[in-house]
C-alpha atoms as a PDB file:
ATOM      1  CA  MET A   1      83.187  22.610  40.749  1.00  0.00           C
ATOM      2  CA  THR A   2      85.191  19.591  39.702  1.00  0.00           C
ATOM      3  CA  ASP A   3      87.840  18.405  42.124  1.00  0.00           C
ATOM      4  CA  VAL A   4      91.021  18.394  39.948  1.00  0.00           C
ATOM      5  CA  ARG A   5      92.908  16.394  42.605  1.00  0.00           C
ATOM      6  CA  GLU A   6      90.414  13.577  42.433  1.00  0.00           C
ATOM      7  CA  GLU A   7      90.745  13.330  38.649  1.00  0.00           C
ATOM      8  CA  ALA A   8      94.617  13.245  38.850  1.00  0.00           C
ATOM      9  CA  PRO A   9      96.317   9.944  38.544  1.00  0.00           C
ATOM     10  CA  HIS A  10      97.198   8.035  41.661  1.00  0.00           C
ATOM     11  CA  ARG A  11     100.616   9.364  42.705  1.00  0.00           C
ATOM     12  CA  VAL A  12     103.109   6.664  43.397  1.00  0.00           C
ATOM     13  CA  VAL A  13     106.396   7.719  44.958  1.00  0.00           C
ATOM     14  CA  THR A  14     109.433   5.363  45.335  1.00  0.00           C
ATOM     15  CA  LEU A  15     111.815   6.280  48.128  1.00  0.00           C
ATOM     16  CA  VAL A  16     115.210   4.895  47.337  1.00  0.00           C
ATOM     17  CA  ARG A  17     118.436   4.944  49.328  1.00  0.00           C
ATOM     18  CA  PRO A  18     122.185   4.485  48.466  1.00  0.00           C
ATOM     19  CA  GLY A  19     122.927   0.966  47.439  1.00  0.00           C
ATOM     20  CA  LEU A  20     119.517   0.601  45.748  1.00  0.00           C
ATOM     21  CA  LEU A  21     118.658  -2.480  43.710  1.00  0.00           C
ATOM     22  CA  PRO A  22     117.873  -1.155  40.185  1.00  0.00           C
ATOM     23  CA  MET A  23     115.509  -4.068  39.417  1.00  0.00           C
ATOM     24  CA  GLU A  24     113.235  -3.271  42.318  1.00  0.00           C
ATOM     25  CA  LEU A  25     113.107   0.461  41.264  1.00  0.00           C
ATOM     26  CA  GLY A  26     112.309  -0.685  37.595  1.00  0.00           C
ATOM     27  CA  ILE A  27     109.533  -2.967  38.873  1.00  0.00           C
ATOM     28  CA  VAL A  28     107.510  -0.010  40.277  1.00  0.00           C
ATOM     29  CA  HIS A  29     107.982   2.144  37.195  1.00  0.00           C
ATOM     30  CA  ARG A  30     107.211  -0.492  34.799  1.00  0.00           C
ATOM     31  CA  LEU A  31     104.140  -1.964  36.356  1.00  0.00           C
ATOM     32  CA  PHE A  32     102.363   1.236  37.639  1.00  0.00           C
ATOM     33  CA  GLY A  33     103.613   3.124  34.609  1.00  0.00           C
ATOM     34  CA  THR A  34     101.898   0.741  32.111  1.00  0.00           C
ATOM     35  CA  ALA A  35      98.415   0.519  33.909  1.00  0.00           C
ATOM     36  CA  LEU A  36      96.064   2.400  31.660  1.00  0.00           C
ATOM     37  CA  GLY A  37      92.304   3.246  31.820  1.00  0.00           C
ATOM     38  CA  ASP A  38      89.654   2.498  29.344  1.00  0.00           C
ATOM     39  CA  GLY A  39      90.549   5.627  27.422  1.00  0.00           C
ATOM     40  CA  GLY A  40      94.253   4.876  27.415  1.00  0.00           C
ATOM     41  CA  GLN A  41      94.938   7.399  30.170  1.00  0.00           C
ATOM     42  CA  PRO A  42      97.593   6.616  32.727  1.00  0.00           C
ATOM     43  CA  LEU A  43      96.064   5.557  35.974  1.00  0.00           C
ATOM     44  CA  TYR A  44      99.232   6.289  37.991  1.00  0.00           C
ATOM     45  CA  SER A  45     101.959   8.933  38.011  1.00  0.00           C
ATOM     46  CA  VAL A  46     105.216   7.433  39.231  1.00  0.00           C
ATOM     47  CA  VAL A  47     108.216   9.362  40.597  1.00  0.00           C
ATOM     48  CA  THR A  48     111.445   8.449  42.472  1.00  0.00           C
ATOM     49  CA  CYS A  49     112.900  10.454  45.415  1.00  0.00           C
ATOM     50  CA  ALA A  50     115.704  10.101  47.894  1.00  0.00           C
ATOM     51  CA  PRO A  51     116.097  11.417  51.447  1.00  0.00           C
ATOM     52  CA  GLU A  52     119.163  13.210  50.036  1.00  0.00           C
ATOM     53  CA  PRO A  53     118.854  13.540  46.209  1.00  0.00           C
ATOM     54  CA  GLY A  54     121.803  13.201  43.876  1.00  0.00           C
ATOM     55  CA  GLU A  55     123.898  10.419  42.439  1.00  0.00           C
ATOM     56  CA  LEU A  56     123.122   7.243  44.308  1.00  0.00           C
ATOM     57  CA  THR A  57     125.082   4.015  44.294  1.00  0.00           C
ATOM     58  CA  THR A  58     123.454   0.714  43.374  1.00  0.00           C
ATOM     59  CA  ASP A  59     124.353  -2.852  43.719  1.00  0.00           C
ATOM     60  CA  ALA A  60     125.428  -2.835  40.105  1.00  0.00           C
ATOM     61  CA  ASP A  61     128.353  -1.045  38.296  1.00  0.00           C
ATOM     62  CA  PHE A  62     126.403   2.110  37.650  1.00  0.00           C
ATOM     63  CA  THR A  63     124.677   4.867  39.616  1.00  0.00           C
ATOM     64  CA  VAL A  64     121.328   6.389  39.574  1.00  0.00           C
ATOM     65  CA  ASN A  65     120.747  10.238  39.531  1.00  0.00           C
ATOM     66  CA  VAL A  66     117.791  10.995  41.717  1.00  0.00           C
ATOM     67  CA  THR A  67     116.690  14.634  41.346  1.00  0.00           C
ATOM     68  CA  LEU A  68     113.681  14.651  43.745  1.00  0.00           C
ATOM     69  CA  GLY A  69     114.084  15.021  47.501  1.00  0.00           C
ATOM     70  CA  PRO A  70     111.738  14.035  50.323  1.00  0.00           C
ATOM     71  CA  ARG A  71     109.283  16.822  49.550  1.00  0.00           C
ATOM     72  CA  ALA A  72     108.023  14.515  46.721  1.00  0.00           C
ATOM     73  CA  LEU A  73     106.364  12.409  49.467  1.00  0.00           C
ATOM     74  CA  ASP A  74     104.144  15.182  50.612  1.00  0.00           C
ATOM     75  CA  ASP A  75     101.299  14.398  48.179  1.00  0.00           C
ATOM     76  CA  ALA A  76     101.953  10.683  47.703  1.00  0.00           C
ATOM     77  CA  ASP A  77      99.035   8.316  47.521  1.00  0.00           C
ATOM     78  CA  THR A  78     101.259   5.213  47.709  1.00  0.00           C
ATOM     79  CA  VAL A  79     104.840   5.116  48.892  1.00  0.00           C
ATOM     80  CA  LEU A  80     107.255   2.131  47.921  1.00  0.00           C
ATOM     81  CA  VAL A  81     110.326   1.539  49.853  1.00  0.00           C
ATOM     82  CA  PRO A  82     112.624  -0.979  47.962  1.00  0.00           C
ATOM     83  CA  ALA A  83     115.621  -2.667  49.438  1.00  0.00           C
ATOM     84  CA  ALA A  84     119.142  -1.450  49.597  1.00  0.00           C
ATOM     85  CA  VAL A  85     122.516  -3.077  50.095  1.00  0.00           C
ATOM     86  CA  GLU A  86     122.802  -1.773  53.560  1.00  0.00           C
ATOM     87  CA  ASP A  87     119.683  -3.869  54.573  1.00  0.00           C
ATOM     88  CA  TYR A  88     121.753  -7.103  54.279  1.00  0.00           C
ATOM     89  CA  GLY A  89     124.280  -6.044  56.829  1.00  0.00           C
ATOM     90  CA  PRO A  90     124.074  -6.433  60.692  1.00  0.00           C
ATOM     91  CA  GLN A  91     121.059  -4.750  61.932  1.00  0.00           C
ATOM     92  CA  GLU A  92     120.494  -2.977  65.282  1.00  0.00           C
ATOM     93  CA  ARG A  93     117.067  -2.660  66.927  1.00  0.00           C
ATOM     94  CA  GLY A  94     115.476   0.585  65.711  1.00  0.00           C
ATOM     95  CA  GLN A  95     118.433   1.509  63.419  1.00  0.00           C
ATOM     96  CA  LEU A  96     117.184   4.021  60.885  1.00  0.00           C
ATOM     97  CA  ALA A  97     119.263   6.780  59.241  1.00  0.00           C
ATOM     98  CA  GLU A  98     117.992  10.205  60.336  1.00  0.00           C
ATOM     99  CA  PRO A  99     117.356  11.453  56.794  1.00  0.00           C
ATOM    100  CA  VAL A 100     115.279   8.337  56.081  1.00  0.00           C
ATOM    101  CA  ARG A 101     113.269   8.865  59.281  1.00  0.00           C
ATOM    102  CA  LYS A 102     112.575  12.485  58.368  1.00  0.00           C
ATOM    103  CA  ALA A 103     111.500  11.487  54.907  1.00  0.00           C
ATOM    104  CA  LEU A 104     109.114   8.827  56.234  1.00  0.00           C
ATOM    105  CA  ALA A 105     107.569  11.426  58.587  1.00  0.00           C
ATOM    106  CA  ARG A 106     106.480  13.361  55.480  1.00  0.00           C
ATOM    107  CA  ILE A 107     104.205  10.662  54.256  1.00  0.00           C
ATOM    108  CA  PRO A 108     100.570  11.878  54.357  1.00  0.00           C
ATOM    109  CA  ALA A 109      98.185  10.270  56.759  1.00  0.00           C
ATOM    110  CA  GLY A 110      96.064   7.737  54.744  1.00  0.00           C
ATOM    111  CA  ALA A 111      98.694   7.125  52.140  1.00  0.00           C
ATOM    112  CA  ARG A 112      99.367   3.495  51.348  1.00  0.00           C
ATOM    113  CA  VAL A 113     102.905   2.372  52.254  1.00  0.00           C
ATOM    114  CA  ALA A 114     104.715  -0.710  50.910  1.00  0.00           C
ATOM    115  CA  SER A 115     108.194  -2.326  50.913  1.00  0.00           C
ATOM    116  CA  ILE A 116     109.931  -4.613  48.613  1.00  0.00           C
ATOM    117  CA  CYS A 117     112.246  -7.314  49.996  1.00  0.00           C
ATOM    118  CA  THR A 118     114.342  -6.035  52.955  1.00  0.00           C
ATOM    119  CA  GLY A 119     112.721  -2.595  52.632  1.00  0.00           C
ATOM    120  CA  SER A 120     110.493  -4.046  55.267  1.00  0.00           C
ATOM    121  CA  PHE A 121     113.252  -3.347  57.819  1.00  0.00           C
ATOM    122  CA  VAL A 122     112.847   0.417  57.189  1.00  0.00           C
ATOM    123  CA  LEU A 123     109.146   0.195  57.840  1.00  0.00           C
ATOM    124  CA  ALA A 124     109.637  -1.841  60.920  1.00  0.00           C
ATOM    125  CA  ALA A 125     112.232   0.509  62.328  1.00  0.00           C
ATOM    126  CA  ALA A 126     109.832   3.362  61.704  1.00  0.00           C
ATOM    127  CA  GLY A 127     107.133   1.618  63.710  1.00  0.00           C
ATOM    128  CA  LEU A 128     104.888   1.141  60.734  1.00  0.00           C
ATOM    129  CA  LEU A 129     104.701  -2.638  61.031  1.00  0.00           C
ATOM    130  CA  ALA A 130     103.982  -2.889  64.727  1.00  0.00           C
ATOM    131  CA  GLY A 131     100.890  -5.142  65.229  1.00  0.00           C
ATOM    132  CA  ARG A 132     100.758  -5.955  61.566  1.00  0.00           C
ATOM    133  CA  ARG A 133     101.380  -9.007  59.385  1.00  0.00           C
ATOM    134  CA  ALA A 134     104.589  -8.637  57.272  1.00  0.00           C
ATOM    135  CA  THR A 135     107.050 -10.549  55.248  1.00  0.00           C
ATOM    136  CA  THR A 136     110.516 -10.066  53.767  1.00  0.00           C
ATOM    137  CA  HIS A 137     113.058 -12.182  51.889  1.00  0.00           C
ATOM    138  CA  TRP A 138     113.070 -15.644  53.299  1.00  0.00           C
ATOM    139  CA  LYS A 139     116.590 -15.369  54.368  1.00  0.00           C
ATOM    140  CA  SER A 140     115.901 -12.325  56.586  1.00  0.00           C
ATOM    141  CA  CYS A 141     112.568 -13.352  58.058  1.00  0.00           C
ATOM    142  CA  GLY A 142     114.147 -14.742  61.269  1.00  0.00           C
ATOM    143  CA  GLU A 143     116.138 -11.706  61.784  1.00  0.00           C
ATOM    144  CA  LEU A 144     113.079  -9.374  61.168  1.00  0.00           C
ATOM    145  CA  ARG A 145     111.151 -11.373  63.766  1.00  0.00           C
ATOM    146  CA  ALA A 146     114.002 -11.282  66.272  1.00  0.00           C
ATOM    147  CA  LEU A 147     114.643  -7.480  65.932  1.00  0.00           C
ATOM    148  CA  TYR A 148     110.959  -6.485  65.877  1.00  0.00           C
ATOM    149  CA  PRO A 149     108.933  -9.010  67.871  1.00  0.00           C
ATOM    150  CA  GLU A 150     105.963  -6.705  67.648  1.00  0.00           C
ATOM    151  CA  VAL A 151     105.746  -7.538  63.983  1.00  0.00           C
ATOM    152  CA  ASN A 152     103.745 -10.689  62.924  1.00  0.00           C
ATOM    153  CA  VAL A 153     106.251 -12.107  60.395  1.00  0.00           C
ATOM    154  CA  ASP A 154     104.874 -14.576  57.832  1.00  0.00           C
ATOM    155  CA  PRO A 155     107.786 -16.274  56.081  1.00  0.00           C
ATOM    156  CA  ASP A 156     105.723 -18.298  53.705  1.00  0.00           C
ATOM    157  CA  VAL A 157     103.935 -15.693  51.437  1.00  0.00           C
ATOM    158  CA  LEU A 158     105.005 -13.565  48.529  1.00  0.00           C
ATOM    159  CA  TYR A 159     103.443 -10.436  50.005  1.00  0.00           C
ATOM    160  CA  THR A 160     101.160  -9.171  52.743  1.00  0.00           C
ATOM    161  CA  ASP A 161      98.552  -6.469  52.866  1.00  0.00           C
ATOM    162  CA  ASP A 162      97.492  -5.288  56.362  1.00  0.00           C
ATOM    163  CA  ARG A 163      95.395  -2.249  56.603  1.00  0.00           C
ATOM    164  CA  GLY A 164      97.137  -0.205  54.024  1.00  0.00           C
ATOM    165  CA  VAL A 165     100.693  -1.292  54.925  1.00  0.00           C
ATOM    166  CA  LEU A 166     102.091  -3.859  52.567  1.00  0.00           C
ATOM    167  CA  THR A 167     105.339  -5.826  52.356  1.00  0.00           C
ATOM    168  CA  SER A 168     106.773  -8.308  49.838  1.00  0.00           C
ATOM    169  CA  ALA A 169     109.369 -11.144  49.901  1.00  0.00           C
ATOM    170  CA  GLY A 170     112.608 -10.956  47.902  1.00  0.00           C
ATOM    171  CA  VAL A 171     113.089  -8.836  44.752  1.00  0.00           C
ATOM    172  CA  ALA A 172     110.820 -10.421  42.158  1.00  0.00           C
ATOM    173  CA  ALA A 173     108.014 -10.692  44.764  1.00  0.00           C
ATOM    174  CA  GLY A 174     107.787  -6.948  44.240  1.00  0.00           C
ATOM    175  CA  ILE A 175     106.110  -7.786  40.943  1.00  0.00           C
ATOM    176  CA  ASP A 176     103.385  -9.876  42.817  1.00  0.00           C
ATOM    177  CA  LEU A 177     103.020  -6.907  45.269  1.00  0.00           C
ATOM    178  CA  CYS A 178     102.562  -4.220  42.630  1.00  0.00           C
ATOM    179  CA  LEU A 179     100.104  -6.332  40.607  1.00  0.00           C
ATOM    180  CA  HIS A 180      98.173  -6.876  43.729  1.00  0.00           C
ATOM    181  CA  MET A 181      97.951  -3.206  44.428  1.00  0.00           C
ATOM    182  CA  ILE A 182      96.862  -2.492  40.910  1.00  0.00           C
ATOM    183  CA  ARG A 183      94.263  -5.272  41.124  1.00  0.00           C
ATOM    184  CA  SER A 184      92.964  -3.809  44.419  1.00  0.00           C
ATOM    185  CA  ASP A 185      92.717  -0.252  42.757  1.00  0.00           C
ATOM    186  CA  HIS A 186      91.397  -1.079  39.393  1.00  0.00           C
ATOM    187  CA  GLY A 187      90.338  -4.721  39.232  1.00  0.00           C
ATOM    188  CA  ALA A 188      91.686  -7.911  37.600  1.00  0.00           C
ATOM    189  CA  GLU A 189      91.337  -6.827  34.028  1.00  0.00           C
ATOM    190  CA  VAL A 190      93.717  -3.874  34.304  1.00  0.00           C
ATOM    191  CA  ALA A 191      96.224  -5.857  36.473  1.00  0.00           C
ATOM    192  CA  ASN A 192      96.126  -8.887  34.066  1.00  0.00           C
ATOM    193  CA  THR A 193      96.787  -6.442  31.088  1.00  0.00           C
ATOM    194  CA  VAL A 194      99.784  -5.062  32.804  1.00  0.00           C
ATOM    195  CA  ALA A 195     100.966  -8.629  33.603  1.00  0.00           C
ATOM    196  CA  ARG A 196     100.659  -9.641  30.003  1.00  0.00           C
ATOM    197  CA  ARG A 197     102.530  -6.615  28.724  1.00  0.00           C
ATOM    198  CA  THR A 198     105.306  -7.415  31.190  1.00  0.00           C
ATOM    199  CA  VAL A 199     105.230 -11.142  30.301  1.00  0.00           C
ATOM    200  CA  VAL A 200     104.588 -12.288  33.931  1.00  0.00           C
ATOM    201  CA  PRO A 201     101.725 -14.247  35.392  1.00  0.00           C
ATOM    202  CA  PRO A 202      98.936 -12.005  36.763  1.00  0.00           C
ATOM    203  CA  HIS A 203      99.060 -14.127  40.063  1.00  0.00           C
ATOM    204  CA  ARG A 204     101.928 -16.329  40.986  1.00  0.00           C
ATOM    205  CA  GLU A 205     100.814 -19.428  42.892  1.00  0.00           C
ATOM    206  CA  GLY A 206     102.189 -20.458  46.172  1.00  0.00           C
ATOM    207  CA  GLY A 207     104.459 -18.615  48.612  1.00  0.00           C
ATOM    208  CA  GLN A 208     108.164 -18.149  48.973  1.00  0.00           C
ATOM    209  CA  ALA A 209     108.572 -21.400  50.814  1.00  0.00           C
ATOM    210  CA  GLN A 210     108.967 -23.006  47.441  1.00  0.00           C
ATOM    211  CA  TYR A 211     112.200 -20.937  46.904  1.00  0.00           C
ATOM    212  CA  ILE A 212     114.032 -21.631  50.154  1.00  0.00           C
ATOM    213  CA  GLU A 213     117.232 -23.447  49.589  1.00  0.00           C
ATOM    214  CA  ARG A 214     116.818 -27.196  50.154  1.00  0.00           C
ATOM    215  CA  PRO A 215     119.303 -30.071  49.824  1.00  0.00           C
ATOM    216  CA  VAL A 216     119.418 -31.409  46.307  1.00  0.00           C
ATOM    217  CA  PRO A 217     118.561 -35.142  46.237  1.00  0.00           C
ATOM    218  CA  GLU A 218     121.605 -37.313  45.850  1.00  0.00           C
ATOM    219  CA  PRO A 219     122.132 -39.063  42.676  1.00  0.00           C
ATOM    220  CA  GLY A 220     120.280 -42.350  42.577  1.00  0.00           C
ATOM    221  CA  VAL A 221     117.782 -41.225  45.315  1.00  0.00           C
ATOM    222  CA  SER A 222     114.155 -41.733  44.231  1.00  0.00           C
ATOM    223  CA  SER A 223     112.042 -38.713  43.465  1.00  0.00           C
ATOM    224  CA  THR A 224     108.408 -38.096  44.019  1.00  0.00           C
ATOM    225  CA  ALA A 225     107.886 -36.827  40.440  1.00  0.00           C
ATOM    226  CA  ALA A 226     105.897 -39.956  39.386  1.00  0.00           C
ATOM    227  CA  ALA A 227     103.620 -39.575  42.313  1.00  0.00           C
ATOM    228  CA  ARG A 228     103.019 -35.912  41.488  1.00  0.00           C
ATOM    229  CA  ALA A 229     102.506 -36.530  37.895  1.00  0.00           C
ATOM    230  CA  TYR A 230      99.962 -39.261  38.769  1.00  0.00           C
ATOM    231  CA  ALA A 231      98.128 -36.907  41.162  1.00  0.00           C
ATOM    232  CA  LEU A 232      97.827 -34.205  38.586  1.00  0.00           C
ATOM    233  CA  ALA A 233      96.460 -36.564  36.162  1.00  0.00           C
ATOM    234  CA  HIS A 234      93.880 -37.872  38.573  1.00  0.00           C
ATOM    235  CA  LEU A 235      92.886 -34.798  40.578  1.00  0.00           C
ATOM    236  CA  GLY A 236      89.189 -35.671  40.304  1.00  0.00           C
ATOM    237  CA  GLU A 237      89.590 -38.982  41.981  1.00  0.00           C
ATOM    238  CA  PRO A 238      89.977 -39.914  45.682  1.00  0.00           C
ATOM    239  CA  LEU A 239      93.662 -40.150  46.314  1.00  0.00           C
ATOM    240  CA  ALA A 240      95.317 -41.413  49.471  1.00  0.00           C
ATOM    241  CA  LEU A 241      98.799 -41.437  50.653  1.00  0.00           C
ATOM    242  CA  GLU A 242      99.094 -45.181  49.897  1.00  0.00           C
ATOM    243  CA  ASP A 243      98.095 -44.325  46.234  1.00  0.00           C
ATOM    244  CA  LEU A 244     100.896 -41.786  45.877  1.00  0.00           C
ATOM    245  CA  ALA A 245     103.439 -44.072  47.601  1.00  0.00           C
ATOM    246  CA  ARG A 246     102.530 -46.866  45.278  1.00  0.00           C
ATOM    247  CA  GLU A 247     103.203 -44.756  42.167  1.00  0.00           C
ATOM    248  CA  ALA A 248     106.493 -43.527  43.631  1.00  0.00           C
ATOM    249  CA  SER A 249     107.469 -47.097  44.601  1.00  0.00           C
ATOM    250  CA  MET A 250     108.092 -45.898  48.206  1.00  0.00           C
ATOM    251  CA  SER A 251     106.695 -46.427  51.621  1.00  0.00           C
ATOM    252  CA  VAL A 252     104.297 -43.948  52.986  1.00  0.00           C
ATOM    253  CA  ARG A 253     106.864 -42.596  55.438  1.00  0.00           C
ATOM    254  CA  THR A 254     109.519 -42.247  52.804  1.00  0.00           C
ATOM    255  CA  LEU A 255     107.147 -40.539  50.418  1.00  0.00           C
ATOM    256  CA  SER A 256     106.111 -38.043  53.065  1.00  0.00           C
ATOM    257  CA  ARG A 257     109.719 -37.235  53.870  1.00  0.00           C
ATOM    258  CA  ARG A 258     110.822 -37.041  50.252  1.00  0.00           C
ATOM    259  CA  PHE A 259     107.777 -34.840  49.338  1.00  0.00           C
ATOM    260  CA  LEU A 260     108.557 -32.300  52.119  1.00  0.00           C
ATOM    261  CA  LEU A 261     112.169 -32.159  50.890  1.00  0.00           C
ATOM    262  CA  GLU A 262     111.282 -31.655  47.293  1.00  0.00           C
ATOM    263  CA  THR A 263     108.224 -29.440  47.391  1.00  0.00           C
ATOM    264  CA  GLY A 264     108.377 -27.824  50.870  1.00  0.00           C
ATOM    265  CA  ALA A 265     104.908 -29.232  51.591  1.00  0.00           C
ATOM    266  CA  THR A 266     103.384 -32.594  52.851  1.00  0.00           C
ATOM    267  CA  PRO A 267     101.785 -34.720  50.141  1.00  0.00           C
ATOM    268  CA  MET A 268      98.193 -33.989  51.266  1.00  0.00           C
ATOM    269  CA  ARG A 269      98.800 -30.234  51.554  1.00  0.00           C
ATOM    270  CA  TRP A 270     100.459 -30.228  48.185  1.00  0.00           C
ATOM    271  CA  LEU A 271      97.468 -32.180  46.674  1.00  0.00           C
ATOM    272  CA  ALA A 272      95.023 -29.710  48.193  1.00  0.00           C
ATOM    273  CA  GLU A 273      96.890 -26.781  46.754  1.00  0.00           C
ATOM    274  CA  GLN A 274      96.797 -28.410  43.268  1.00  0.00           C
ATOM    275  CA  ARG A 275      93.146 -29.022  43.480  1.00  0.00           C
ATOM    276  CA  LEU A 276      92.544 -25.382  44.508  1.00  0.00           C
ATOM    277  CA  GLN A 277      94.648 -24.034  41.650  1.00  0.00           C
ATOM    278  CA  HIS A 278      92.858 -26.268  39.070  1.00  0.00           C
ATOM    279  CA  ALA A 279      89.521 -25.138  40.414  1.00  0.00           C
ATOM    280  CA  ARG A 280      90.722 -21.462  40.120  1.00  0.00           C
ATOM    281  CA  ARG A 281      91.787 -21.883  36.533  1.00  0.00           C
ATOM    282  CA  LEU A 282      88.469 -23.524  35.601  1.00  0.00           C
ATOM    283  CA  LEU A 283      86.563 -20.644  37.370  1.00  0.00           C
ATOM    284  CA  GLU A 284      88.620 -18.094  35.325  1.00  0.00           C
ATOM    285  CA  ARG A 285      88.520 -19.765  31.862  1.00  0.00           C
ATOM    286  CA  THR A 286      85.147 -21.725  31.652  1.00  0.00           C
ATOM    287  CA  ASP A 287      81.439 -21.328  32.418  1.00  0.00           C
ATOM    288  CA  GLU A 288      81.329 -24.750  34.084  1.00  0.00           C
ATOM    289  CA  PRO A 289      78.906 -24.749  37.212  1.00  0.00           C
ATOM    290  CA  VAL A 290      80.690 -24.657  40.599  1.00  0.00           C
ATOM    291  CA  ASP A 291      79.542 -28.230  41.473  1.00  0.00           C
ATOM    292  CA  GLN A 292      80.837 -29.630  38.218  1.00  0.00           C
ATOM    293  CA  ILE A 293      84.294 -27.827  38.851  1.00  0.00           C
ATOM    294  CA  ALA A 294      84.346 -29.154  42.400  1.00  0.00           C
ATOM    295  CA  SER A 295      83.881 -32.828  41.171  1.00  0.00           C
ATOM    296  CA  GLY A 296      86.537 -32.385  38.563  1.00  0.00           C
ATOM    297  CA  ALA A 297      89.017 -30.830  40.801  1.00  0.00           C
ATOM    298  CA  GLY A 298      88.586 -33.525  43.527  1.00  0.00           C
ATOM    299  CA  PHE A 299      86.653 -31.566  46.161  1.00  0.00           C
ATOM    300  CA  GLY A 300      83.635 -33.866  45.744  1.00  0.00           C
ATOM    301  CA  THR A 301      80.968 -31.376  46.345  1.00  0.00           C
ATOM    302  CA  GLY A 302      80.424 -27.593  45.760  1.00  0.00           C
ATOM    303  CA  THR A 303      79.997 -27.172  49.395  1.00  0.00           C
ATOM    304  CA  ALA A 304      83.371 -28.691  50.158  1.00  0.00           C
ATOM    305  CA  MET A 305      85.073 -26.463  47.543  1.00  0.00           C
ATOM    306  CA  ARG A 306      83.330 -23.301  48.908  1.00  0.00           C
ATOM    307  CA  GLN A 307      84.798 -24.076  52.316  1.00  0.00           C
ATOM    308  CA  HIS A 308      88.323 -24.616  50.825  1.00  0.00           C
ATOM    309  CA  PHE A 309      88.041 -21.210  48.926  1.00  0.00           C
ATOM    310  CA  ARG A 310      87.009 -19.340  51.973  1.00  0.00           C
ATOM    311  CA  GLU A 311      89.743 -20.859  54.023  1.00  0.00           C
ATOM    312  CA  ALA A 312      92.491 -20.287  51.471  1.00  0.00           C
ATOM    313  CA  LEU A 313      91.318 -17.206  49.570  1.00  0.00           C
ATOM    314  CA  GLY A 314      88.690 -15.523  51.786  1.00  0.00           C
ATOM    315  CA  VAL A 315      86.084 -15.506  49.042  1.00  0.00           C
ATOM    316  CA  SER A 316      83.559 -17.907  47.588  1.00  0.00           C
ATOM    317  CA  PRO A 317      84.126 -19.581  44.182  1.00  0.00           C
ATOM    318  CA  ARG A 318      81.362 -17.342  42.716  1.00  0.00           C
ATOM    319  CA  ALA A 319      82.964 -14.248  43.920  1.00  0.00           C
ATOM    320  CA  TYR A 320      86.398 -15.332  42.737  1.00  0.00           C
ATOM    321  CA  ARG A 321      84.899 -15.938  39.225  1.00  0.00           C
ATOM    322  CA  ASN A 322      83.172 -12.556  39.212  1.00  0.00           C
ATOM    323  CA  THR A 323      86.361 -10.813  40.274  1.00  0.00           C
ATOM    324  CA  PHE A 324      88.610 -12.380  37.714  1.00  0.00           C
ATOM    325  CA  ARG A 325      86.148 -12.575  34.761  1.00  0.00           C
ATOM    326  CA  GLY A 326      84.151  -9.517  35.402  1.00  0.00           C
ATOM    327  CA  THR A 327      80.847 -11.348  35.350  1.00  0.00           C
ATOM    328  CA  ASN A 328      77.844 -10.836  37.593  1.00  0.00           C
END
């Protein structure tokens, strides 16, 4: 006899609270709701519930009427907890409204649980992030770490995935998180199609460190733009700090300081990231051999590039190409 439950779409339940951010709720419905199988069938069913259903306030000038209560969580395969306005106020250790606590207790064992932005504070207060790697909006990472020292807070990434419990950085990083889950469930092709329909990149490069507020260079202060442009045009060549400093008409010391201020990374770390991303694009879009890509991207040898890929992405270049191009 066929198991009807196994054939049903993966059930995604978004648990929202008063003061919800409509954009974060929309992200979940838009991305999971447009993921389709080969026959055009929906791969997910997406519903919204609240600990106490009814008309919920938002951070905008309208309300959202949520008709489903916490029972909707009983058969969830994935639970998303977006942020709410209350998350941005003063926090006390272990603070969690009783209706929210009771709702979270209904999540089935084995269900995937994820948060968007400061929804991570809800997961942390419920004990779901203890001993796990997690992130949140960059402005709140220090507070999350201070309130919940048992959580391994990573302030530099757009999202984390630690044994079925996931978190994302601020607001739009929820897109990266949802695409990651779709990609994990159904592969790169489905996730890439969803991304194209939504007009967003299938995978956003870098972490949230690039969005942290940094002082704007004063008028007249030299920029590292020339050095960066030169590096991008010569990725396949050996490049030293002295080469970049010369292009920027700066000393090595000034270049290093300005680079960190403008990009959030040291020159060599930035250069390594650009080479990695260039190699990724070539693996996804061309049939060039790995050794040839390694040379063109500035890694020198295929062996060196394989080491960089394993350290940065946890996979080999061949496995990366197979995943994103569906080849064998």
